[in-house]
Amino acid sequence: MLIEQYLGPKPESPYASAFDRRELVVAYAKTLDAVKAVAGIGTGSRSPQTQSPLLQPPLVDYVVKRLPTSKARHYKKWSISSEKIEYGAQRGAPGFLLECATAIRSTSSRTVVVAECFPFEEKARFAKTLDAVR
């Protein structure tokens, strides 16, 4: 199995945080079972889909709520499981929200997994990334 991690450029702004740097993980394997074993992706269709441990959300110690989707959604030939991540804010107010998604695509010769955490408004960028992965 091959796992590659891609980091976007560090923002130059002095106000930039861990949320401003794109991080993407792509894993390749010959079989779906190999990917599931390494990526920690469950096989039960009735259990909620949880985010793969291939990529954890930024500043994971500040996460106050994780809401996994009840079932995978599909985009072209990809099966995507995701969870909504909520960070804490002062005085119990709702904090910053992210979506962490793990997409899987299998063919007869290999399986590919793409994982990324992104703000909700960047969902289209994640789809473009999936379109670009061969």
N, C-alpha and C. Protein backbone atom coordinates (compact mmCIF):
# COMPACT_ATOMS: atom_id res chain seq x y z
N MET A 1 0.85 -1.18 0.00
CA MET A 1 0.00 0.00 0.00
C MET A 1 0.89 1.23 0.00
N LEU A 2 0.51 2.22 -0.77
CA LEU A 2 1.23 3.48 -0.86
C LEU A 2 0.35 4.59 -0.31
N ILE A 3 0.87 5.37 0.65
CA ILE A 3 0.13 6.49 1.23
C ILE A 3 0.94 7.75 0.99
N GLU A 4 0.31 8.74 0.38
CA GLU A 4 0.96 10.02 0.10
C GLU A 4 0.20 11.14 0.80
N GLN A 5 0.96 12.05 1.39
CA GLN A 5 0.35 13.20 2.06
C GLN A 5 0.77 14.46 1.32
N TYR A 6 -0.19 15.30 1.01
CA TYR A 6 0.08 16.56 0.31
C TYR A 6 -0.29 17.72 1.23
N LEU A 7 0.61 18.66 1.34
CA LEU A 7 0.36 19.87 2.12
C LEU A 7 0.37 21.07 1.19
N GLY A 8 -0.64 21.92 1.32
CA GLY A 8 -0.67 23.14 0.54
C GLY A 8 0.37 24.11 1.08
N PRO A 9 0.63 25.19 0.35
CA PRO A 9 1.62 26.16 0.83
C PRO A 9 1.16 26.80 2.14
N LYS A 10 2.13 27.14 2.98
CA LYS A 10 1.82 27.82 4.22
C LYS A 10 1.37 29.24 3.91
N PRO A 11 0.23 29.66 4.42
CA PRO A 11 -0.20 31.04 4.18
C PRO A 11 0.79 32.02 4.81
N GLU A 12 1.02 33.14 4.14
CA GLU A 12 1.98 34.12 4.62
C GLU A 12 1.40 35.09 5.63
N SER A 13 0.10 35.11 5.76
CA SER A 13 -0.55 36.04 6.68
C SER A 13 -0.17 35.73 8.13
N PRO A 14 0.11 36.75 8.93
CA PRO A 14 0.40 36.49 10.34
C PRO A 14 -0.84 36.01 11.11
N TYR A 15 -2.01 36.12 10.49
CA TYR A 15 -3.26 35.70 11.14
C TYR A 15 -3.69 34.30 10.70
N ALA A 16 -2.90 33.66 9.85
CA ALA A 16 -3.24 32.33 9.36
C ALA A 16 -3.16 31.31 10.49
N SER A 17 -3.97 30.27 10.38
CA SER A 17 -3.97 29.20 11.38
C SER A 17 -3.87 27.86 10.67
N ALA A 18 -3.96 26.79 11.43
CA ALA A 18 -3.91 25.44 10.87
C ALA A 18 -5.07 25.19 9.90
N PHE A 19 -6.14 25.96 10.02
CA PHE A 19 -7.30 25.78 9.14
C PHE A 19 -7.04 26.33 7.74
N ASP A 20 -6.05 27.17 7.60
CA ASP A 20 -5.79 27.83 6.32
C ASP A 20 -4.85 27.06 5.41
N ARG A 21 -4.31 25.95 5.87
CA ARG A 21 -3.39 25.15 5.06
C ARG A 21 -4.07 23.86 4.64
N ARG A 22 -4.11 23.64 3.36
CA ARG A 22 -4.77 22.43 2.84
C ARG A 22 -3.89 21.20 3.08
N GLU A 23 -4.54 20.14 3.56
CA GLU A 23 -3.86 18.86 3.76
C GLU A 23 -4.73 17.78 3.13
N LEU A 24 -4.09 16.93 2.34
CA LEU A 24 -4.80 15.91 1.59
C LEU A 24 -3.99 14.62 1.67
N VAL A 25 -4.67 13.50 1.88
CA VAL A 25 -4.00 12.20 1.91
C VAL A 25 -4.60 11.33 0.81
N VAL A 26 -3.73 10.69 0.03
CA VAL A 26 -4.16 9.77 -1.02
C VAL A 26 -3.46 8.43 -0.76
N ALA A 27 -4.23 7.36 -0.75
CA ALA A 27 -3.68 6.02 -0.52
C ALA A 27 -4.08 5.11 -1.68
N TYR A 28 -3.13 4.28 -2.10
CA TYR A 28 -3.36 3.34 -3.19
C TYR A 28 -3.06 1.92 -2.69
N ALA A 29 -3.87 0.96 -3.08
CA ALA A 29 -3.62 -0.44 -2.75
C ALA A 29 -4.21 -1.31 -3.84
N LYS A 30 -3.81 -2.58 -3.83
CA LYS A 30 -4.31 -3.50 -4.85
C LYS A 30 -5.73 -3.96 -4.57
N THR A 31 -6.09 -4.05 -3.28
CA THR A 31 -7.42 -4.56 -2.94
C THR A 31 -8.14 -3.62 -1.97
N LEU A 32 -9.44 -3.70 -1.99
CA LEU A 32 -10.27 -2.92 -1.08
C LEU A 32 -10.03 -3.33 0.36
N ASP A 33 -9.84 -4.62 0.61
CA ASP A 33 -9.60 -5.10 1.97
C ASP A 33 -8.31 -4.53 2.55
N ALA A 34 -7.27 -4.40 1.72
CA ALA A 34 -6.00 -3.83 2.18
C ALA A 34 -6.18 -2.38 2.59
N VAL A 35 -6.94 -1.64 1.82
CA VAL A 35 -7.20 -0.23 2.15
C VAL A 35 -8.01 -0.13 3.43
N LYS A 36 -9.03 -0.95 3.55
CA LYS A 36 -9.87 -0.89 4.75
C LYS A 36 -9.09 -1.22 6.00
N ALA A 37 -8.16 -2.15 5.90
CA ALA A 37 -7.36 -2.53 7.07
C ALA A 37 -6.44 -1.38 7.50
N VAL A 38 -5.79 -0.75 6.57
CA VAL A 38 -4.85 0.34 6.89
C VAL A 38 -5.59 1.63 7.21
N ALA A 39 -6.65 1.90 6.45
CA ALA A 39 -7.37 3.16 6.61
C ALA A 39 -8.36 3.13 7.77
N GLY A 40 -8.63 1.96 8.33
CA GLY A 40 -9.55 1.88 9.45
C GLY A 40 -10.99 2.11 9.06
N ILE A 41 -11.32 1.80 7.84
CA ILE A 41 -12.68 2.01 7.35
C ILE A 41 -13.49 0.75 7.61
N GLY A 42 -14.63 0.92 8.25
CA GLY A 42 -15.47 -0.24 8.59
C GLY A 42 -16.17 -0.81 7.38
N THR A 43 -16.62 -2.05 7.53
CA THR A 43 -17.30 -2.71 6.43
C THR A 43 -18.80 -2.84 6.67
N GLY A 44 -19.26 -2.54 7.87
CA GLY A 44 -20.68 -2.69 8.17
C GLY A 44 -21.51 -1.62 7.50
N SER A 45 -22.50 -2.02 6.71
CA SER A 45 -23.30 -1.04 5.98
C SER A 45 -24.32 -0.35 6.89
N ARG A 46 -24.62 -0.93 8.05
CA ARG A 46 -25.62 -0.33 8.93
C ARG A 46 -25.02 0.61 9.98
N SER A 47 -23.72 0.54 10.15
CA SER A 47 -23.10 1.42 11.14
C SER A 47 -22.76 2.76 10.50
N PRO A 48 -22.78 3.85 11.30
CA PRO A 48 -22.44 5.16 10.73
C PRO A 48 -21.02 5.15 10.19
N GLN A 49 -20.84 5.84 9.10
CA GLN A 49 -19.51 5.95 8.50
C GLN A 49 -18.71 6.96 9.31
N THR A 50 -17.51 6.61 9.70
CA THR A 50 -16.67 7.54 10.44
C THR A 50 -15.44 7.89 9.61
N GLN A 51 -14.85 8.99 9.96
CA GLN A 51 -13.68 9.48 9.25
C GLN A 51 -12.51 8.51 9.40
N SER A 52 -11.79 8.33 8.35
CA SER A 52 -10.62 7.46 8.35
C SER A 52 -9.51 8.05 9.19
N PRO A 53 -8.76 7.21 9.91
CA PRO A 53 -7.62 7.71 10.67
C PRO A 53 -6.43 8.11 9.78
N LEU A 54 -6.56 7.96 8.47
CA LEU A 54 -5.50 8.43 7.58
C LEU A 54 -5.26 9.93 7.76
N LEU A 55 -6.31 10.65 8.09
CA LEU A 55 -6.20 12.10 8.24
C LEU A 55 -7.11 12.56 9.37
N GLN A 56 -6.54 13.17 10.36
CA GLN A 56 -7.31 13.72 11.47
C GLN A 56 -7.56 15.21 11.21
N PRO A 57 -8.61 15.77 11.77
CA PRO A 57 -8.86 17.20 11.58
C PRO A 57 -7.74 18.04 12.21
N PRO A 58 -7.54 19.24 11.70
CA PRO A 58 -6.53 20.10 12.33
C PRO A 58 -6.96 20.44 13.76
N LEU A 59 -5.99 20.65 14.61
CA LEU A 59 -6.24 21.02 16.02
C LEU A 59 -7.26 20.10 16.67
N VAL A 60 -7.04 18.80 16.54
CA VAL A 60 -7.99 17.79 16.99
C VAL A 60 -8.31 17.92 18.49
N ASP A 61 -7.41 18.45 19.28
CA ASP A 61 -7.67 18.61 20.72
C ASP A 61 -8.77 19.61 21.02
N TYR A 62 -9.11 20.45 20.06
CA TYR A 62 -10.14 21.48 20.28
C TYR A 62 -11.50 21.10 19.68
N VAL A 63 -11.61 19.89 19.16
CA VAL A 63 -12.89 19.42 18.61
C VAL A 63 -13.84 19.14 19.76
N VAL A 64 -15.05 19.70 19.69
CA VAL A 64 -16.04 19.46 20.74
C VAL A 64 -17.15 18.51 20.29
N LYS A 65 -17.32 18.37 18.97
CA LYS A 65 -18.39 17.48 18.49
C LYS A 65 -18.00 16.92 17.13
N ARG A 66 -18.26 15.61 16.98
CA ARG A 66 -18.06 14.92 15.70
C ARG A 66 -19.37 14.24 15.34
N LEU A 67 -19.91 14.57 14.18
CA LEU A 67 -21.17 13.99 13.74
C LEU A 67 -20.97 13.22 12.44
N PRO A 68 -20.79 11.90 12.52
CA PRO A 68 -20.62 11.11 11.29
C PRO A 68 -21.92 11.06 10.49
N THR A 69 -21.79 10.96 9.17
CA THR A 69 -22.98 10.79 8.34
C THR A 69 -23.54 9.39 8.57
N SER A 70 -24.83 9.25 8.37
CA SER A 70 -25.46 7.96 8.63
C SER A 70 -25.13 6.93 7.56
N LYS A 71 -24.87 7.38 6.34
CA LYS A 71 -24.46 6.44 5.30
C LYS A 71 -23.64 7.19 4.25
N ALA A 72 -22.89 6.43 3.49
CA ALA A 72 -22.01 7.01 2.48
C ALA A 72 -22.84 7.64 1.35
N ARG A 73 -22.30 8.71 0.77
CA ARG A 73 -22.92 9.29 -0.42
C ARG A 73 -22.02 8.94 -1.61
N HIS A 74 -22.50 9.19 -2.81
CA HIS A 74 -21.74 8.81 -3.99
C HIS A 74 -21.51 10.02 -4.89
N TYR A 75 -20.34 10.05 -5.49
CA TYR A 75 -19.97 11.06 -6.48
C TYR A 75 -19.27 10.32 -7.61
N LYS A 76 -19.89 10.28 -8.75
CA LYS A 76 -19.38 9.52 -9.88
C LYS A 76 -19.07 8.10 -9.42
N LYS A 77 -17.83 7.62 -9.51
CA LYS A 77 -17.51 6.25 -9.08
C LYS A 77 -16.94 6.19 -7.67
N TRP A 78 -17.04 7.28 -6.93
CA TRP A 78 -16.51 7.36 -5.56
C TRP A 78 -17.61 7.13 -4.54
N SER A 79 -17.27 6.44 -3.47
CA SER A 79 -18.14 6.32 -2.30
C SER A 79 -17.50 7.19 -1.21
N ILE A 80 -18.27 8.13 -0.68
CA ILE A 80 -17.72 9.13 0.24
C ILE A 80 -18.40 9.03 1.60
N SER A 81 -17.59 8.81 2.64
CA SER A 81 -18.09 8.90 4.00
C SER A 81 -17.53 10.18 4.59
N SER A 82 -18.29 10.80 5.46
CA SER A 82 -17.83 12.07 6.01
C SER A 82 -18.38 12.29 7.41
N GLU A 83 -17.82 13.27 8.06
CA GLU A 83 -18.34 13.70 9.35
C GLU A 83 -18.17 15.20 9.47
N LYS A 84 -19.09 15.78 10.21
CA LYS A 84 -19.01 17.21 10.50
C LYS A 84 -18.23 17.38 11.79
N ILE A 85 -17.29 18.30 11.78
CA ILE A 85 -16.42 18.56 12.92
C ILE A 85 -16.74 19.95 13.44
N GLU A 86 -17.00 20.05 14.74
CA GLU A 86 -17.27 21.36 15.35
C GLU A 86 -16.22 21.64 16.42
N TYR A 87 -15.68 22.84 16.34
CA TYR A 87 -14.67 23.27 17.31
C TYR A 87 -15.34 24.14 18.37
N GLY A 88 -14.75 24.16 19.55
CA GLY A 88 -15.27 24.97 20.63
C GLY A 88 -15.00 26.45 20.42
N ALA A 89 -15.84 27.26 21.02
CA ALA A 89 -15.66 28.71 21.00
C ALA A 89 -15.88 29.23 22.42
N GLN A 90 -15.59 30.47 22.64
CA GLN A 90 -15.75 31.04 23.97
C GLN A 90 -17.20 31.03 24.41
N ARG A 91 -17.39 30.80 25.69
CA ARG A 91 -18.72 30.82 26.34
C ARG A 91 -19.70 29.82 25.74
N GLY A 92 -19.18 28.73 25.22
CA GLY A 92 -20.06 27.68 24.71
C GLY A 92 -20.73 27.98 23.39
N ALA A 93 -20.37 29.06 22.73
CA ALA A 93 -20.96 29.39 21.43
C ALA A 93 -20.48 28.38 20.39
N PRO A 94 -21.28 28.16 19.35
CA PRO A 94 -20.83 27.27 18.28
C PRO A 94 -19.54 27.82 17.67
N GLY A 95 -18.62 26.91 17.42
CA GLY A 95 -17.34 27.31 16.86
C GLY A 95 -17.25 27.03 15.38
N PHE A 96 -16.03 27.02 14.87
CA PHE A 96 -15.75 26.78 13.46
C PHE A 96 -16.19 25.37 13.08
N LEU A 97 -16.73 25.21 11.88
CA LEU A 97 -17.18 23.90 11.38
C LEU A 97 -16.35 23.46 10.18
N LEU A 98 -16.05 22.19 10.14
CA LEU A 98 -15.36 21.58 9.00
C LEU A 98 -16.10 20.31 8.61
N GLU A 99 -15.86 19.87 7.40
CA GLU A 99 -16.29 18.54 7.00
C GLU A 99 -15.02 17.75 6.70
N CYS A 100 -14.93 16.55 7.24
CA CYS A 100 -13.83 15.64 6.92
C CYS A 100 -14.42 14.51 6.11
N ALA A 101 -13.87 14.30 4.92
CA ALA A 101 -14.42 13.31 4.00
C ALA A 101 -13.35 12.31 3.59
N THR A 102 -13.78 11.06 3.43
CA THR A 102 -12.93 10.00 2.91
C THR A 102 -13.65 9.37 1.73
N ALA A 103 -13.02 9.44 0.56
CA ALA A 103 -13.62 8.90 -0.66
C ALA A 103 -12.85 7.65 -1.09
N ILE A 104 -13.59 6.64 -1.53
CA ILE A 104 -12.98 5.38 -1.97
C ILE A 104 -13.50 5.05 -3.37
N ARG A 105 -12.57 4.63 -4.22
CA ARG A 105 -12.93 4.17 -5.56
C ARG A 105 -12.14 2.90 -5.84
N SER A 106 -12.84 1.85 -6.26
CA SER A 106 -12.18 0.58 -6.56
C SER A 106 -12.39 0.20 -8.03
N THR A 107 -11.34 -0.35 -8.61
CA THR A 107 -11.42 -0.95 -9.93
C THR A 107 -10.92 -2.38 -9.77
N SER A 108 -10.86 -3.11 -10.87
CA SER A 108 -10.40 -4.50 -10.78
C SER A 108 -8.91 -4.59 -10.43
N SER A 109 -8.14 -3.51 -10.67
CA SER A 109 -6.70 -3.58 -10.44
C SER A 109 -6.22 -2.83 -9.19
N ARG A 110 -7.01 -1.87 -8.68
CA ARG A 110 -6.57 -1.15 -7.49
C ARG A 110 -7.70 -0.36 -6.83
N THR A 111 -7.42 0.04 -5.60
CA THR A 111 -8.34 0.86 -4.83
C THR A 111 -7.62 2.14 -4.44
N VAL A 112 -8.33 3.25 -4.53
CA VAL A 112 -7.77 4.55 -4.18
C VAL A 112 -8.64 5.16 -3.08
N VAL A 113 -7.98 5.77 -2.08
CA VAL A 113 -8.67 6.49 -1.01
C VAL A 113 -8.14 7.92 -1.00
N VAL A 114 -9.04 8.89 -0.90
CA VAL A 114 -8.66 10.30 -0.78
C VAL A 114 -9.34 10.83 0.48
N ALA A 115 -8.56 11.46 1.36
CA ALA A 115 -9.11 12.01 2.60
C ALA A 115 -8.71 13.47 2.73
N GLU A 116 -9.67 14.30 3.13
CA GLU A 116 -9.40 15.73 3.34
C GLU A 116 -10.43 16.31 4.30
N CYS A 117 -9.99 17.27 5.11
CA CYS A 117 -10.89 18.07 5.95
C CYS A 117 -10.93 19.47 5.34
N PHE A 118 -12.14 20.02 5.21
CA PHE A 118 -12.28 21.30 4.52
C PHE A 118 -13.51 22.05 5.03
N PRO A 119 -13.50 23.39 4.90
CA PRO A 119 -14.71 24.15 5.23
C PRO A 119 -15.83 23.76 4.26
N PHE A 120 -17.07 23.88 4.69
CA PHE A 120 -18.20 23.46 3.87
C PHE A 120 -18.20 24.12 2.50
N GLU A 121 -17.75 25.35 2.42
CA GLU A 121 -17.76 26.06 1.13
C GLU A 121 -16.71 25.51 0.15
N GLU A 122 -15.84 24.62 0.61
CA GLU A 122 -14.81 24.03 -0.26
C GLU A 122 -15.17 22.63 -0.75
N LYS A 123 -16.43 22.25 -0.61
CA LYS A 123 -16.86 20.91 -1.04
C LYS A 123 -16.62 20.72 -2.55
N ALA A 124 -16.82 21.75 -3.34
CA ALA A 124 -16.60 21.66 -4.79
C ALA A 124 -15.12 21.41 -5.10
N ARG A 125 -14.22 21.99 -4.31
CA ARG A 125 -12.79 21.76 -4.51
C ARG A 125 -12.45 20.29 -4.26
N PHE A 126 -13.08 19.68 -3.25
CA PHE A 126 -12.86 18.26 -2.97
C PHE A 126 -13.32 17.42 -4.16
N ALA A 127 -14.47 17.76 -4.73
CA ALA A 127 -14.98 17.03 -5.90
C ALA A 127 -14.02 17.18 -7.08
N LYS A 128 -13.46 18.37 -7.28
CA LYS A 128 -12.48 18.57 -8.37
C LYS A 128 -11.24 17.71 -8.14
N THR A 129 -10.84 17.60 -6.89
CA THR A 129 -9.69 16.75 -6.56
C THR A 129 -9.99 15.30 -6.94
N LEU A 130 -11.18 14.82 -6.59
CA LEU A 130 -11.56 13.45 -6.94
C LEU A 130 -11.55 13.25 -8.45
N ASP A 131 -12.00 14.26 -9.19
CA ASP A 131 -11.99 14.17 -10.65
C ASP A 131 -10.56 14.05 -11.19
N ALA A 132 -9.61 14.64 -10.50
CA ALA A 132 -8.22 14.66 -10.98
C ALA A 132 -7.43 13.40 -10.60
N VAL A 133 -7.91 12.64 -9.62
CA VAL A 133 -7.18 11.44 -9.17
C VAL A 133 -7.40 10.32 -10.17
N ARG A 134 -6.30 9.73 -10.58
CA ARG A 134 -6.37 8.62 -11.56
C ARG A 134 -6.08 7.31 -10.88
